[in-house]
C-alpha atoms as a PDB file:
ATOM      1  CA  MET A   1      -8.575  64.295  12.063  1.00  0.00           C
ATOM      2  CA  MET A   2      -5.921  61.556  10.387  1.00  0.00           C
ATOM      3  CA  THR A   3      -4.291  62.563   7.120  1.00  0.00           C
ATOM      4  CA  TYR A   4      -4.641  59.438   4.545  1.00  0.00           C
ATOM      5  CA  ALA A   5      -0.854  59.237   5.217  1.00  0.00           C
ATOM      6  CA  GLN A   6      -1.841  57.588   8.679  1.00  0.00           C
ATOM      7  CA  PHE A   7      -4.527  55.302   7.282  1.00  0.00           C
ATOM      8  CA  VAL A   8      -4.251  51.468   7.652  1.00  0.00           C
ATOM      9  CA  LEU A   9      -5.781  49.475   5.187  1.00  0.00           C
ATOM     10  CA  PRO A  10      -7.846  46.060   6.093  1.00  0.00           C
ATOM     11  CA  LEU A  11      -6.579  43.183   4.410  1.00  0.00           C
ATOM     12  CA  SER A  12      -9.687  43.030   2.181  1.00  0.00           C
ATOM     13  CA  VAL A  13      -8.799  46.044   0.175  1.00  0.00           C
ATOM     14  CA  VAL A  14      -5.695  44.904  -1.986  1.00  0.00           C
ATOM     15  CA  SER A  15      -6.425  46.569  -5.003  1.00  0.00           C
ATOM     16  CA  LYS A  16      -6.739  50.486  -6.125  1.00  0.00           C
ATOM     17  CA  ALA A  17     -10.184  49.772  -7.120  1.00  0.00           C
ATOM     18  CA  ASP A  18     -10.723  48.377  -3.756  1.00  0.00           C
ATOM     19  CA  VAL A  19      -9.908  51.947  -2.819  1.00  0.00           C
ATOM     20  CA  ALA A  20     -11.679  53.408  -5.011  1.00  0.00           C
ATOM     21  CA  ARG A  21     -14.763  50.932  -4.627  1.00  0.00           C
ATOM     22  CA  LEU A  22     -14.466  52.303  -0.336  1.00  0.00           C
ATOM     23  CA  VAL A  23     -14.166  56.335  -1.456  1.00  0.00           C
ATOM     24  CA  ARG A  24     -17.672  55.816  -3.297  1.00  0.00           C
ATOM     25  CA  GLU A  25     -19.051  54.040  -0.506  1.00  0.00           C
ATOM     26  CA  ALA A  26     -18.081  56.925   1.869  1.00  0.00           C
ATOM     27  CA  GLU A  27     -19.329  59.703  -0.682  1.00  0.00           C
ATOM     28  CA  LYS A  28     -22.706  57.372  -0.836  1.00  0.00           C
ATOM     29  CA  VAL A  29     -22.857  57.206   2.920  1.00  0.00           C
ATOM     30  CA  ASP A  30     -22.484  61.049   3.317  1.00  0.00           C
ATOM     31  CA  ASN A  31     -24.996  61.754   0.873  1.00  0.00           C
ATOM     32  CA  ASP A  32     -27.117  58.994   2.478  1.00  0.00           C
ATOM     33  CA  LEU A  33     -26.506  60.710   6.263  1.00  0.00           C
ATOM     34  CA  THR A  34     -27.304  64.346   4.747  1.00  0.00           C
ATOM     35  CA  SER A  35     -30.399  63.217   2.900  1.00  0.00           C
ATOM     36  CA  ALA A  36     -31.723  62.238   6.203  1.00  0.00           C
ATOM     37  CA  ALA A  37     -30.521  65.021   8.010  1.00  0.00           C
ATOM     38  CA  ILE A  38     -32.531  67.307   6.192  1.00  0.00           C
ATOM     39  CA  HIS A  39     -35.419  64.807   5.991  1.00  0.00           C
ATOM     40  CA  ALA A  40     -35.348  65.163   9.736  1.00  0.00           C
ATOM     41  CA  LYS A  41     -35.320  69.053   9.286  1.00  0.00           C
ATOM     42  CA  VAL A  42     -38.035  69.452   7.488  1.00  0.00           C
ATOM     43  CA  GLY A  43     -40.182  66.673   8.888  1.00  0.00           C
ATOM     44  CA  THR A  44     -40.602  64.140   5.754  1.00  0.00           C
ATOM     45  CA  ALA A  45     -40.133  60.349   6.376  1.00  0.00           C
ATOM     46  CA  GLU A  46     -37.428  59.296   8.245  1.00  0.00           C
ATOM     47  CA  ALA A  47     -34.813  57.450   5.968  1.00  0.00           C
ATOM     48  CA  GLN A  48     -33.128  54.419   6.821  1.00  0.00           C
ATOM     49  CA  ARG A  49     -29.539  54.560   7.977  1.00  0.00           C
ATOM     50  CA  PRO A  50     -27.376  53.764   5.287  1.00  0.00           C
ATOM     51  CA  VAL A  51     -25.938  49.698   4.892  1.00  0.00           C
ATOM     52  CA  LEU A  52     -22.063  49.811   5.114  1.00  0.00           C
ATOM     53  CA  SER A  53     -20.328  47.127   3.246  1.00  0.00           C
ATOM     54  CA  GLU A  54     -17.786  44.756   5.720  1.00  0.00           C
ATOM     55  CA  GLN A  55     -14.770  45.955   4.022  1.00  0.00           C
ATOM     56  CA  PHE A  56     -15.854  50.137   4.848  1.00  0.00           C
ATOM     57  CA  MET A  57     -16.894  49.044   8.352  1.00  0.00           C
ATOM     58  CA  GLU A  58     -13.427  47.575   8.678  1.00  0.00           C
ATOM     59  CA  PHE A  59     -11.716  50.305   7.322  1.00  0.00           C
ATOM     60  CA  LEU A  60     -13.455  52.566   9.795  1.00  0.00           C
ATOM     61  CA  GLN A  61     -13.221  50.363  12.595  1.00  0.00           C
ATOM     62  CA  LEU A  62      -9.043  49.915  12.229  1.00  0.00           C
ATOM     63  CA  ASN A  63      -8.662  53.794  11.895  1.00  0.00           C
ATOM     64  CA  LYS A  64     -10.963  54.312  14.375  1.00  0.00           C
ATOM     65  CA  LEU A  65     -13.304  56.580  12.268  1.00  0.00           C
ATOM     66  CA  MET A  66     -16.596  58.076  13.303  1.00  0.00           C
ATOM     67  CA  LEU A  67     -19.545  59.628  10.477  1.00  0.00           C
ATOM     68  CA  THR A  68     -21.117  61.263  12.863  1.00  0.00           C
ATOM     69  CA  SER A  69     -20.442  64.595  11.822  1.00  0.00           C
ATOM     70  CA  SER A  70     -21.197  66.283   8.459  1.00  0.00           C
ATOM     71  CA  ARG A  71     -17.817  68.205   8.425  1.00  0.00           C
ATOM     72  CA  ASP A  72     -15.820  64.715   9.595  1.00  0.00           C
ATOM     73  CA  ARG A  73     -17.512  63.216   6.804  1.00  0.00           C
ATOM     74  CA  THR A  74     -16.091  65.634   4.155  1.00  0.00           C
ATOM     75  CA  GLU A  75     -12.767  65.511   5.424  1.00  0.00           C
ATOM     76  CA  LEU A  76     -12.527  61.638   5.554  1.00  0.00           C
ATOM     77  CA  ILE A  77     -13.835  61.933   1.740  1.00  0.00           C
ATOM     78  CA  LYS A  78     -10.757  64.252   1.190  1.00  0.00           C
ATOM     79  CA  GLN A  79      -8.396  62.726   2.824  1.00  0.00           C
ATOM     80  CA  MET A  80      -9.758  58.678   1.226  1.00  0.00           C
ATOM     81  CA  ARG A  81      -9.676  60.405  -2.389  1.00  0.00           C
ATOM     82  CA  LEU A  82      -5.837  61.778  -1.629  1.00  0.00           C
ATOM     83  CA  LEU A  83      -5.168  58.212  -0.207  1.00  0.00           C
ATOM     84  CA  LYS A  84      -6.348  56.557  -3.698  1.00  0.00           C
ATOM     85  CA  GLU A  85      -4.126  58.955  -5.398  1.00  0.00           C
ATOM     86  CA  LYS A  86      -1.040  58.593  -3.373  1.00  0.00           C
ATOM     87  CA  ALA A  87      -1.490  54.762  -2.543  1.00  0.00           C
ATOM     88  CA  PRO A  88       1.566  52.766  -4.260  1.00  0.00           C
ATOM     89  CA  VAL A  89       0.723  50.372  -6.561  1.00  0.00           C
ATOM     90  CA  ILE A  90       2.922  47.313  -7.395  1.00  0.00           C
ATOM     91  CA  HIS A  91       2.038  45.848 -10.249  1.00  0.00           C
ATOM     92  CA  MET A  92       2.112  41.975 -10.645  1.00  0.00           C
ATOM     93  CA  THR A  93       1.570  39.817 -13.553  1.00  0.00           C
ATOM     94  CA  PHE A  94       0.704  36.013 -13.012  1.00  0.00           C
ATOM     95  CA  ALA A  95       0.242  33.411 -15.819  1.00  0.00           C
ATOM     96  CA  THR A  96      -3.145  32.912 -14.200  1.00  0.00           C
ATOM     97  CA  VAL A  97      -5.825  34.495 -12.372  1.00  0.00           C
ATOM     98  CA  ALA A  98      -4.577  35.151  -9.056  1.00  0.00           C
ATOM     99  CA  ASP A  99      -6.778  33.718  -5.996  1.00  0.00           C
ATOM    100  CA  PRO A 100      -7.942  36.284  -3.632  1.00  0.00           C
ATOM    101  CA  ASP A 101      -6.237  34.799  -0.324  1.00  0.00           C
ATOM    102  CA  SER A 102      -3.162  34.677  -2.056  1.00  0.00           C
ATOM    103  CA  LEU A 103      -3.425  38.426  -2.839  1.00  0.00           C
ATOM    104  CA  ARG A 104      -4.271  39.404   0.679  1.00  0.00           C
ATOM    105  CA  GLN A 105      -1.320  37.460   1.748  1.00  0.00           C
ATOM    106  CA  LEU A 106       0.968  39.438  -0.981  1.00  0.00           C
ATOM    107  CA  ALA A 107      -0.991  42.701  -0.271  1.00  0.00           C
ATOM    108  CA  GLN A 108      -0.032  41.782   3.592  1.00  0.00           C
ATOM    109  CA  TRP A 109       3.302  41.183   3.208  1.00  0.00           C
ATOM    110  CA  LEU A 110       3.982  44.192   0.971  1.00  0.00           C
ATOM    111  CA  ARG A 111       2.281  46.221   3.361  1.00  0.00           C
ATOM    112  CA  THR A 112       4.496  45.372   6.398  1.00  0.00           C
ATOM    113  CA  SER A 113       7.884  45.153   4.264  1.00  0.00           C
ATOM    114  CA  ILE A 114       7.308  47.875   1.688  1.00  0.00           C
ATOM    115  CA  HIS A 115       4.774  50.292   2.783  1.00  0.00           C
ATOM    116  CA  PRO A 116       1.725  49.967   5.024  1.00  0.00           C
ATOM    117  CA  GLN A 117      -0.548  51.271   1.873  1.00  0.00           C
ATOM    118  CA  ALA A 118       0.369  49.411  -0.752  1.00  0.00           C
ATOM    119  CA  VAL A 119      -1.810  47.743  -3.024  1.00  0.00           C
ATOM    120  CA  ILE A 120      -1.310  45.337  -6.457  1.00  0.00           C
ATOM    121  CA  ALA A 121      -2.155  45.971  -9.196  1.00  0.00           C
ATOM    122  CA  VAL A 122      -2.964  42.282 -10.678  1.00  0.00           C
ATOM    123  CA  GLY A 123      -2.422  41.631 -14.529  1.00  0.00           C
ATOM    124  CA  VAL A 124      -2.474  38.259 -16.201  1.00  0.00           C
ATOM    125  CA  GLN A 125      -0.220  36.608 -19.177  1.00  0.00           C
ATOM    126  CA  PRO A 126      -0.389  33.443 -20.002  1.00  0.00           C
ATOM    127  CA  GLY A 127       2.746  33.053 -21.994  1.00  0.00           C
ATOM    128  CA  LEU A 128       4.436  33.702 -18.105  1.00  0.00           C
ATOM    129  CA  VAL A 129       4.577  29.887 -17.428  1.00  0.00           C
ATOM    130  CA  ALA A 130       5.629  30.016 -13.735  1.00  0.00           C
ATOM    131  CA  GLY A 131       6.761  33.174 -11.733  1.00  0.00           C
ATOM    132  CA  VAL A 132       5.406  36.648 -11.793  1.00  0.00           C
ATOM    133  CA  TYR A 133       6.712  39.938 -13.393  1.00  0.00           C
ATOM    134  CA  LEU A 134       6.789  42.506 -10.662  1.00  0.00           C
ATOM    135  CA  ARG A 135       6.604  46.483 -11.531  1.00  0.00           C
ATOM    136  CA  THR A 136       7.190  49.447  -9.042  1.00  0.00           C
ATOM    137  CA  THR A 137       7.565  53.050 -10.482  1.00  0.00           C
ATOM    138  CA  ASN A 138      11.556  52.565 -11.122  1.00  0.00           C
ATOM    139  CA  HIS A 139      12.117  49.296 -11.518  1.00  0.00           C
ATOM    140  CA  VAL A 140      10.954  46.020 -13.427  1.00  0.00           C
ATOM    141  CA  TYR A 141      11.551  42.410 -12.044  1.00  0.00           C
ATOM    142  CA  ASP A 142      11.030  39.200 -14.006  1.00  0.00           C
ATOM    143  CA  LEU A 143      10.432  36.294 -11.561  1.00  0.00           C
ATOM    144  CA  SER A 144       9.276  33.837 -14.085  1.00  0.00           C
ATOM    145  CA  LEU A 145      10.613  30.664 -14.629  1.00  0.00           C
ATOM    146  CA  ARG A 146      11.891  31.961 -17.866  1.00  0.00           C
ATOM    147  CA  ALA A 147      14.255  34.746 -16.413  1.00  0.00           C
ATOM    148  CA  ALA A 148      15.788  32.267 -13.725  1.00  0.00           C
ATOM    149  CA  LEU A 149      16.013  29.620 -16.677  1.00  0.00           C
ATOM    150  CA  LYS A 150      17.830  32.000 -18.973  1.00  0.00           C
ATOM    151  CA  GLY A 151      20.512  32.755 -16.886  1.00  0.00           C
ATOM    152  CA  SER A 152      21.470  28.863 -16.440  1.00  0.00           C
ATOM    153  CA  ARG A 153      20.866  27.768 -20.338  1.00  0.00           C
ATOM    154  CA  GLN A 154      24.613  27.098 -20.546  1.00  0.00           C
ATOM    155  CA  VAL A 155      24.480  24.637 -17.372  1.00  0.00           C
ATOM    156  CA  LEU A 156      20.997  23.045 -18.425  1.00  0.00           C
ATOM    157  CA  THR A 157      22.472  22.703 -22.219  1.00  0.00           C
ATOM    158  CA  LYS A 158      26.040  21.344 -20.942  1.00  0.00           C
ATOM    159  CA  GLU A 159      23.836  18.692 -18.689  1.00  0.00           C
ATOM    160  CA  LEU A 160      21.545  18.032 -21.746  1.00  0.00           C
ATOM    161  CA  GLY A 161      24.211  16.934 -24.073  1.00  0.00           C
ATOM    162  CA  ALA A 162      25.935  14.700 -21.222  1.00  0.00           C
ATOM    163  CA  LEU A 163      22.327  12.783 -20.882  1.00  0.00           C
ATOM    164  CA  ARG A 164      22.454  12.548 -24.847  1.00  0.00           C
ATOM    165  CA  GLY A 165      26.161  11.498 -24.621  1.00  0.00           C
ATOM    166  CA  THR A 166      25.778   8.666 -21.906  1.00  0.00           C
ATOM    167  CA  ARG A 167      22.902   6.985 -24.304  1.00  0.00           C
END
């Protein structure tokens, strides 16, 4: 069985909440399959196979995981819980709500450049105007327009003064 550090996350899994959703789904599938096995032993009505979300199916396929044995499912859930707890979280604050496609692209870049299991915690701060605040466990990066202009304040003041003087 794979460990959590070996798991590959689908691009549709962007946030820690998405990882938590995968864990809940794995737990539900395990409960449903265990219940179905008990019903089969007792001889009562056969339970339906659990319906898997597209995101969960993609996770299983990417990691070549099978849910056939109870022991495998238990270990998978244990490892998925560890992944939820230990996945590196990059906090990103935008001026407006980021669209899902942009977040997927950011997640893809983060997983290629930073860590293969990085997830994003998204925040919104309307006063940001443009750009993003990016926070990791040990750094804060202000990639906003305000921060970019702050370093150029003297140049901007000089240029505005020159413009005023030409009138």
